[in-house]
Amino acid sequence: MKIPAIKKLVQQYDEATLAAAEQALEAGEPLAIEVEGEDEGEQLTHIIAARWILEKMHKEGMDFTSAMRAYAQMVRSSIS
């Protein structure tokens, strides 16, 4: 998970575009947008994170930094 890659997705795309990219990856289809990542798994991680962050920003009025921190905290909690 690379924060700069997630930030780029949040800044450049809306939720619908990211959802379409997620579906394309899951179906093994080529992506219509540029998503950084070493492999499809990392690309999917970045897309899912960006969608979660955008939703948090829109529903709760958070800025990117706060939403990213909340996402990172959620990930850390699920790992430990």
C-alpha atoms as a PDB file:
ATOM      1  CA  MET A   1       0.000   0.000   0.000  1.00  0.00           C
ATOM      2  CA  LYS A   2       1.542   3.244  -1.160  1.00  0.00           C
ATOM      3  CA  ILE A   3      -0.021   6.461   0.114  1.00  0.00           C
ATOM      4  CA  PRO A   4       1.090   8.586  -2.876  1.00  0.00           C
ATOM      5  CA  ALA A   5      -0.635   6.159  -5.268  1.00  0.00           C
ATOM      6  CA  ILE A   6      -3.837   6.271  -3.211  1.00  0.00           C
ATOM      7  CA  LYS A   7      -3.719  10.067  -3.004  1.00  0.00           C
ATOM      8  CA  LYS A   8      -3.350  10.291  -6.781  1.00  0.00           C
ATOM      9  CA  LEU A   9      -6.457   8.143  -7.284  1.00  0.00           C
ATOM     10  CA  VAL A  10      -8.463  10.217  -4.788  1.00  0.00           C
ATOM     11  CA  GLN A  11      -7.445  13.441  -6.527  1.00  0.00           C
ATOM     12  CA  GLN A  12      -8.005  12.262 -10.099  1.00  0.00           C
ATOM     13  CA  TYR A  13     -11.066  10.000 -10.076  1.00  0.00           C
ATOM     14  CA  ASP A  14     -14.566   9.810  -8.657  1.00  0.00           C
ATOM     15  CA  GLU A  15     -16.113   6.857  -6.850  1.00  0.00           C
ATOM     16  CA  ALA A  16     -17.915   5.538  -9.947  1.00  0.00           C
ATOM     17  CA  THR A  17     -14.716   5.477 -12.000  1.00  0.00           C
ATOM     18  CA  LEU A  18     -12.861   3.693  -9.215  1.00  0.00           C
ATOM     19  CA  ALA A  19     -15.707   1.184  -8.820  1.00  0.00           C
ATOM     20  CA  ALA A  20     -15.518   0.420 -12.551  1.00  0.00           C
ATOM     21  CA  ALA A  21     -11.752  -0.059 -12.271  1.00  0.00           C
ATOM     22  CA  GLU A  22     -12.241  -2.419  -9.330  1.00  0.00           C
ATOM     23  CA  GLN A  23     -14.739  -4.486 -11.318  1.00  0.00           C
ATOM     24  CA  ALA A  24     -12.418  -4.575 -14.333  1.00  0.00           C
ATOM     25  CA  LEU A  25      -9.527  -5.855 -12.213  1.00  0.00           C
ATOM     26  CA  GLU A  26     -11.700  -8.518 -10.616  1.00  0.00           C
ATOM     27  CA  ALA A  27     -12.875  -9.638 -14.071  1.00  0.00           C
ATOM     28  CA  GLY A  28      -9.324  -9.748 -15.420  1.00  0.00           C
ATOM     29  CA  GLU A  29     -10.011  -6.951 -17.888  1.00  0.00           C
ATOM     30  CA  PRO A  30      -7.606  -4.113 -18.728  1.00  0.00           C
ATOM     31  CA  LEU A  31      -7.973  -0.931 -16.698  1.00  0.00           C
ATOM     32  CA  ALA A  32      -9.356   2.211 -18.327  1.00  0.00           C
ATOM     33  CA  ILE A  33      -7.460   4.362 -15.812  1.00  0.00           C
ATOM     34  CA  GLU A  34      -3.862   4.439 -14.646  1.00  0.00           C
ATOM     35  CA  VAL A  35      -3.370   2.767 -11.270  1.00  0.00           C
ATOM     36  CA  GLU A  36       0.092   2.476  -9.774  1.00  0.00           C
ATOM     37  CA  GLY A  37       1.108  -0.843  -8.281  1.00  0.00           C
ATOM     38  CA  GLU A  38       3.609  -3.633  -8.731  1.00  0.00           C
ATOM     39  CA  ASP A  39       0.889  -6.165  -9.488  1.00  0.00           C
ATOM     40  CA  GLU A  40      -2.885  -6.462  -9.745  1.00  0.00           C
ATOM     41  CA  GLY A  41      -3.178  -7.128  -6.012  1.00  0.00           C
ATOM     42  CA  GLU A  42      -1.464  -3.876  -5.128  1.00  0.00           C
ATOM     43  CA  GLN A  43      -3.510  -2.005  -7.727  1.00  0.00           C
ATOM     44  CA  LEU A  44      -6.698  -3.435  -6.221  1.00  0.00           C
ATOM     45  CA  THR A  45      -5.544  -2.410  -2.743  1.00  0.00           C
ATOM     46  CA  HIS A  46      -4.991   1.160  -3.941  1.00  0.00           C
ATOM     47  CA  ILE A  47      -8.400   1.312  -5.634  1.00  0.00           C
ATOM     48  CA  ILE A  48     -10.250  -0.060  -2.597  1.00  0.00           C
ATOM     49  CA  ALA A  49      -8.426   2.348  -0.293  1.00  0.00           C
ATOM     50  CA  ALA A  50      -9.186   5.316  -2.548  1.00  0.00           C
ATOM     51  CA  ARG A  51     -12.887   4.400  -2.686  1.00  0.00           C
ATOM     52  CA  TRP A  52     -13.051   4.050   1.102  1.00  0.00           C
ATOM     53  CA  ILE A  53     -11.304   7.393   1.597  1.00  0.00           C
ATOM     54  CA  LEU A  54     -13.524   9.203  -0.925  1.00  0.00           C
ATOM     55  CA  GLU A  55     -16.620   7.837   0.781  1.00  0.00           C
ATOM     56  CA  LYS A  56     -15.338   8.996   4.178  1.00  0.00           C
ATOM     57  CA  MET A  57     -14.530  12.445   2.780  1.00  0.00           C
ATOM     58  CA  HIS A  58     -17.974  12.854   1.209  1.00  0.00           C
ATOM     59  CA  LYS A  59     -20.107  11.352   3.980  1.00  0.00           C
ATOM     60  CA  GLU A  60     -18.249  12.751   6.979  1.00  0.00           C
ATOM     61  CA  GLY A  61     -16.689  15.868   5.499  1.00  0.00           C
ATOM     62  CA  MET A  62     -13.152  14.740   6.306  1.00  0.00           C
ATOM     63  CA  ASP A  63     -10.107  16.046   4.494  1.00  0.00           C
ATOM     64  CA  PHE A  64      -7.806  13.599   2.715  1.00  0.00           C
ATOM     65  CA  THR A  65      -5.239  13.426   5.525  1.00  0.00           C
ATOM     66  CA  SER A  66      -7.829  12.604   8.196  1.00  0.00           C
ATOM     67  CA  ALA A  67      -9.560  10.043   5.999  1.00  0.00           C
ATOM     68  CA  MET A  68      -6.214   8.421   5.124  1.00  0.00           C
ATOM     69  CA  ARG A  69      -5.329   8.195   8.817  1.00  0.00           C
ATOM     70  CA  ALA A  70      -8.704   6.598   9.548  1.00  0.00           C
ATOM     71  CA  TYR A  71      -8.129   4.063   6.762  1.00  0.00           C
ATOM     72  CA  ALA A  72      -4.613   3.243   7.985  1.00  0.00           C
ATOM     73  CA  GLN A  73      -5.937   2.805  11.531  1.00  0.00           C
ATOM     74  CA  MET A  74      -8.665   0.457  10.284  1.00  0.00           C
ATOM     75  CA  VAL A  75      -6.077  -1.613   8.394  1.00  0.00           C
ATOM     76  CA  ARG A  76      -3.765  -1.776  11.427  1.00  0.00           C
ATOM     77  CA  SER A  77      -6.657  -2.858  13.642  1.00  0.00           C
ATOM     78  CA  SER A  78      -7.624  -5.650  11.263  1.00  0.00           C
ATOM     79  CA  ILE A  79      -4.041  -6.941  11.118  1.00  0.00           C
ATOM     80  CA  SER A  80      -3.423  -7.047  14.867  1.00  0.00           C
END
